[in-house]
Amino acid sequence: MQSEQLKQRILREPSKFNIFLKELISENRFEDGEALEIALLLIKNGSESLSDKQWHVFLENGILRDKYVDK
């Protein structure tokens, strides 16, 4: 799954994705501190609050890189 496709899926299903993020956080699955901070922002403020740069860091360093989803 490409970054833009994943972003659109997150935007369509934010409550399901928040549950997934909370599970990843509780299991200490984020190795990138910046991606973890962005994940916490997503949960707290919603996906619409992220800048393009934050989306890029989160998708590339937090989710796709660690193969939580198919590329």
Protein backbone atom coordinates (compact mmCIF):
# COMPACT_ATOMS: atom_id res chain seq x y z
CA MET A 1 0.00 0.00 0.00
CA GLN A 2 1.37 3.39 -0.97
CA SER A 3 1.54 6.35 1.41
CA GLU A 4 -1.30 8.30 -0.18
CA GLN A 5 -3.58 5.26 -0.24
CA LEU A 6 -2.91 4.61 3.42
CA LYS A 7 -3.49 8.24 4.32
CA GLN A 8 -6.88 8.18 2.57
CA ARG A 9 -7.84 4.99 4.38
CA ILE A 10 -6.89 6.53 7.73
CA LEU A 11 -8.99 9.60 6.90
CA ARG A 12 -11.98 7.38 6.03
CA GLU A 13 -11.76 5.19 9.15
CA PRO A 14 -10.23 7.32 11.92
CA SER A 15 -11.79 5.52 14.89
CA LYS A 16 -10.58 2.10 13.71
CA PHE A 17 -7.12 3.50 13.07
CA ASN A 18 -6.98 5.11 16.53
CA ILE A 19 -7.62 1.70 18.08
CA PHE A 20 -4.79 0.26 16.00
CA LEU A 21 -2.45 3.09 17.03
CA LYS A 22 -3.26 2.62 20.70
CA GLU A 23 -2.38 -1.07 20.39
CA LEU A 24 0.95 -0.24 18.72
CA ILE A 25 1.75 2.32 21.41
CA SER A 26 0.84 -0.01 24.28
CA GLU A 27 3.14 -2.67 22.79
CA ASN A 28 6.00 -0.15 22.33
CA ARG A 29 6.11 -0.85 18.59
CA PHE A 30 7.28 2.64 17.55
CA GLU A 31 11.05 2.90 17.27
CA ASP A 32 10.98 6.39 15.76
CA GLY A 33 10.28 8.97 18.48
CA GLU A 34 8.96 11.57 16.07
CA ALA A 35 6.53 9.07 14.55
CA LEU A 36 5.35 8.16 18.06
CA GLU A 37 4.70 11.82 18.87
CA ILE A 38 2.72 12.17 15.65
CA ALA A 39 0.73 9.02 16.49
CA LEU A 40 -0.19 10.58 19.82
CA LEU A 41 -1.24 13.78 18.02
CA LEU A 42 -3.41 11.73 15.67
CA ILE A 43 -5.19 10.15 18.61
CA LYS A 44 -5.59 13.41 20.51
CA ASN A 45 -6.37 15.92 17.75
CA GLY A 46 -7.50 13.83 14.79
CA SER A 47 -5.98 13.20 11.41
CA GLU A 48 -7.06 16.56 9.98
CA SER A 49 -4.68 18.32 12.37
CA LEU A 50 -1.50 16.95 10.77
CA SER A 51 0.64 18.93 8.36
CA ASP A 52 1.91 17.38 5.12
CA LYS A 53 5.35 16.99 6.70
CA GLN A 54 3.89 15.21 9.74
CA TRP A 55 1.95 12.86 7.47
CA HIS A 56 5.11 12.05 5.55
CA VAL A 57 7.14 11.31 8.69
CA PHE A 58 4.35 9.27 10.22
CA LEU A 59 3.66 7.18 7.14
CA GLU A 60 7.24 6.62 6.06
CA ASN A 61 8.96 6.30 9.45
CA GLY A 62 6.14 5.10 11.65
CA ILE A 63 3.83 2.85 9.72
CA LEU A 64 5.10 1.78 6.31
CA ARG A 65 8.75 1.36 7.26
CA ASP A 66 7.93 -1.05 10.05
CA LYS A 67 5.62 -3.08 7.84
CA TYR A 68 2.51 -2.66 9.95
CA VAL A 69 0.74 -2.48 6.61
CA ASP A 70 1.52 -3.91 3.19
CA LYS A 71 3.50 -1.67 0.88
